[in-house]
Amino acid sequence: MRKKRIMIIGPGGSGKTALAAAINGLDGPVKRTQNMVYGEKTLDVPGVYLESPWMHKHIIAAAQDASHVLMLVDQSSCRESYPPGFAKAFRVPVIGVITGSGKKPENDGWCIRQLKKAGISTPCIHINLSDRTGIDELMEVIKSPESMGKSKEIPYGYTSMPKEHGQILGKEGNVTWSNL
């Protein structure tokens, strides 16, 4: 059986690689990545995978090697990054993470709304990668018994691969996430 890692996804410049380095206990400068990077404890997904709808299936497929998925939103940049209901495509716990906490606190509400729209129902965690605040709290949430071993039960006959516009193909045809 493969080792399960924490998958980190988010738009370009949201701090994915820096967060992966912090979780893996690495110090030093980080550089942009073009491919998925399997670290000791993490799977760092490049932002370009999220920005291209044709690459979403690769993110979902790679999540088979994940214990958790962290969906990042940068507080300093208000841009739509996730399709509606995207978090529902994963069969592992999904945690919303707001990076750059304190840079633009007026954008906090927007970040939370974006993560909720993406399908995250749990409270979001704020982290600041420059002074490493919030990372310990994030790791506590990941290690908590409530978060461990939770995988969504998909009704028989349904697939977890989303179709266009947050739909899945069920026995009765297209069914939206909200109907499940």
Protein backbone atom coordinates (compact mmCIF):
# COMPACT_ATOMS: atom_id res chain seq x y z
CA MET A 1 0.00 0.00 0.00
CA ARG A 2 1.26 3.46 -0.87
CA LYS A 3 2.13 6.01 1.75
CA LYS A 4 -0.65 8.59 2.13
CA ARG A 5 0.41 12.23 1.91
CA ILE A 6 -1.23 15.59 2.49
CA MET A 7 -2.23 16.99 -0.91
CA ILE A 8 -1.88 20.78 -1.22
CA ILE A 9 -3.77 22.57 -3.99
CA GLY A 10 -4.35 26.23 -4.72
CA PRO A 11 -3.81 28.99 -7.26
CA GLY A 12 -0.33 30.10 -8.28
CA GLY A 13 1.36 32.21 -5.63
CA SER A 14 -0.87 31.05 -2.77
CA GLY A 15 1.99 29.47 -0.79
CA LYS A 16 1.57 25.78 -1.64
CA THR A 17 5.27 25.01 -1.96
CA ALA A 18 6.17 27.04 1.14
CA LEU A 19 3.49 25.22 3.15
CA ALA A 20 4.72 21.86 1.85
CA ALA A 21 8.26 22.77 2.91
CA ALA A 22 7.02 23.78 6.38
CA ILE A 23 5.05 20.54 6.83
CA ASN A 24 8.03 18.48 5.63
CA GLY A 25 10.33 20.34 8.05
CA LEU A 26 12.48 21.92 5.35
CA ASP A 27 14.10 25.33 5.58
CA GLY A 28 15.47 27.55 2.87
CA PRO A 29 14.11 29.23 -0.21
CA VAL A 30 11.37 27.60 -2.25
CA LYS A 31 11.07 27.66 -6.02
CA ARG A 32 8.14 27.32 -8.38
CA THR A 33 7.31 23.82 -9.50
CA GLN A 34 6.00 22.64 -12.87
CA ASN A 35 5.05 19.12 -11.82
CA MET A 36 3.53 17.42 -8.81
CA VAL A 37 6.17 17.08 -6.13
CA TYR A 38 5.96 14.13 -3.74
CA GLY A 39 7.58 15.18 -0.46
CA GLU A 40 8.09 13.20 2.73
CA LYS A 41 4.60 14.08 4.01
CA THR A 42 3.07 16.15 1.21
CA LEU A 43 1.99 16.16 -2.41
CA ASP A 44 2.47 19.66 -3.84
CA VAL A 45 0.24 20.30 -6.88
CA PRO A 46 1.24 23.19 -9.18
CA GLY A 47 -1.29 26.01 -9.50
CA VAL A 48 -1.50 25.52 -13.26
CA TYR A 49 -3.28 22.19 -12.64
CA LEU A 50 -6.07 24.06 -10.88
CA GLU A 51 -6.23 26.86 -13.43
CA SER A 52 -6.87 24.47 -16.32
CA PRO A 53 -10.22 22.61 -16.23
CA TRP A 54 -8.65 19.80 -18.29
CA MET A 55 -6.18 19.12 -15.47
CA HIS A 56 -8.80 18.76 -12.71
CA LYS A 57 -9.10 15.03 -13.40
CA HIS A 58 -5.37 14.65 -12.69
CA ILE A 59 -5.76 16.39 -9.33
CA ILE A 60 -8.65 14.09 -8.43
CA ALA A 61 -6.73 11.00 -9.55
CA ALA A 62 -3.63 12.02 -7.57
CA ALA A 63 -5.81 12.45 -4.47
CA GLN A 64 -5.95 8.64 -4.30
CA ASP A 65 -2.50 8.93 -2.68
CA ALA A 66 -3.71 11.55 -0.17
CA SER A 67 -4.77 11.31 3.45
CA HIS A 68 -6.13 14.89 3.35
CA VAL A 69 -6.52 17.68 0.82
CA LEU A 70 -5.64 21.26 1.74
CA MET A 71 -7.38 23.82 -0.48
CA LEU A 72 -5.50 27.13 -0.26
CA VAL A 73 -6.83 30.63 -0.89
CA ASP A 74 -4.53 33.66 -0.75
CA GLN A 75 -5.96 36.47 1.36
CA SER A 76 -4.05 39.10 -0.60
CA SER A 77 -5.47 38.04 -3.99
CA CYS A 78 -9.23 37.94 -4.62
CA ARG A 79 -9.65 35.65 -7.59
CA GLU A 80 -11.92 32.70 -8.24
CA SER A 81 -9.79 29.58 -8.24
CA TYR A 82 -12.05 26.60 -7.57
CA PRO A 83 -15.08 25.38 -9.50
CA PRO A 84 -18.28 25.15 -7.44
CA GLY A 85 -18.37 21.96 -5.37
CA PHE A 86 -14.81 20.93 -6.27
CA ALA A 87 -14.06 19.72 -2.71
CA LYS A 88 -16.87 17.18 -3.03
CA ALA A 89 -14.87 15.28 -5.66
CA PHE A 90 -12.38 14.05 -3.04
CA ARG A 91 -12.96 10.96 -0.91
CA VAL A 92 -10.68 12.23 1.86
CA PRO A 93 -11.12 15.08 4.36
CA VAL A 94 -10.73 18.51 2.73
CA ILE A 95 -9.52 21.46 4.82
CA GLY A 96 -9.76 25.08 3.74
CA VAL A 97 -6.63 27.13 4.39
CA ILE A 98 -6.38 30.91 4.08
CA THR A 99 -2.77 31.98 3.54
CA GLY A 100 -1.24 35.40 4.04
CA SER A 101 -3.30 36.07 7.15
CA GLY A 102 -3.04 39.68 8.16
CA LYS A 103 -1.99 41.02 4.76
CA LYS A 104 -5.50 42.09 3.74
CA PRO A 105 -7.95 41.23 6.53
CA GLU A 106 -10.77 42.93 4.62
CA ASN A 107 -10.63 40.01 2.15
CA ASP A 108 -11.20 37.36 4.83
CA GLY A 109 -14.95 37.12 4.22
CA TRP A 110 -14.39 36.73 0.48
CA CYS A 111 -11.89 33.89 1.09
CA ILE A 112 -14.33 32.04 3.36
CA ARG A 113 -17.16 32.43 0.83
CA GLN A 114 -14.94 31.07 -1.95
CA LEU A 115 -14.01 28.00 0.09
CA LYS A 116 -17.65 27.38 1.03
CA LYS A 117 -18.65 27.70 -2.63
CA ALA A 118 -15.98 25.10 -3.43
CA GLY A 119 -17.71 22.72 -1.01
CA ILE A 120 -15.74 23.05 2.22
CA SER A 121 -18.02 22.80 5.24
CA THR A 122 -15.46 22.80 8.05
CA PRO A 123 -14.06 26.03 9.49
CA CYS A 124 -11.11 27.47 7.59
CA ILE A 125 -7.66 27.73 9.12
CA HIS A 126 -5.63 30.92 8.80
CA ILE A 127 -1.88 30.61 8.38
CA ASN A 128 0.94 33.05 7.77
CA LEU A 129 3.93 31.43 6.12
CA SER A 130 6.32 34.31 6.75
CA ASP A 131 6.18 33.89 10.54
CA ARG A 132 4.81 30.30 10.50
CA THR A 133 1.73 31.12 12.57
CA GLY A 134 -1.18 28.74 12.22
CA ILE A 135 0.85 25.80 10.93
CA ASP A 136 0.79 24.01 14.30
CA GLU A 137 -2.99 24.50 14.48
CA LEU A 138 -3.32 23.11 10.95
CA MET A 139 -1.29 20.03 11.86
CA GLU A 140 -3.43 19.48 14.97
CA VAL A 141 -6.56 19.52 12.82
CA ILE A 142 -5.00 17.08 10.35
CA LYS A 143 -3.99 14.70 13.16
CA SER A 144 -7.30 14.98 15.05
CA PRO A 145 -9.41 11.82 15.34
CA GLU A 146 -12.35 13.61 13.71
CA SER A 147 -10.25 14.19 10.61
CA MET A 148 -8.54 10.80 10.42
CA GLY A 149 -10.15 8.05 8.43
CA LYS A 150 -13.10 10.10 7.25
CA SER A 151 -13.95 9.35 3.69
CA LYS A 152 -17.18 10.36 2.07
CA GLU A 153 -19.55 7.56 1.25
CA ILE A 154 -20.63 7.83 -2.37
CA PRO A 155 -24.00 6.14 -3.06
CA TYR A 156 -23.82 2.96 -5.14
CA GLY A 157 -23.86 3.67 -8.85
CA TYR A 158 -22.34 7.14 -8.58
CA THR A 159 -18.88 8.20 -9.56
CA SER A 160 -16.73 10.66 -7.64
CA MET A 161 -15.39 12.18 -10.86
CA PRO A 162 -17.21 15.48 -11.41
CA LYS A 163 -18.68 16.32 -14.77
CA GLU A 164 -19.06 19.85 -16.04
CA HIS A 165 -20.47 22.46 -13.67
CA GLY A 166 -20.24 20.36 -10.49
CA GLN A 167 -22.42 17.50 -11.67
CA ILE A 168 -21.91 13.78 -11.44
CA LEU A 169 -23.41 11.02 -13.49
CA GLY A 170 -25.82 8.90 -11.49
CA LYS A 171 -28.21 6.08 -12.29
CA GLU A 172 -30.90 8.59 -13.18
CA GLY A 173 -28.67 10.83 -15.31
CA ASN A 174 -27.02 14.05 -14.19
CA VAL A 175 -27.46 14.82 -10.51
CA THR A 176 -26.07 17.94 -8.87
CA TRP A 177 -23.96 17.70 -5.72
CA SER A 178 -26.70 19.39 -3.70
CA ASN A 179 -29.09 16.52 -4.46
CA LEU A 180 -26.86 13.85 -2.92
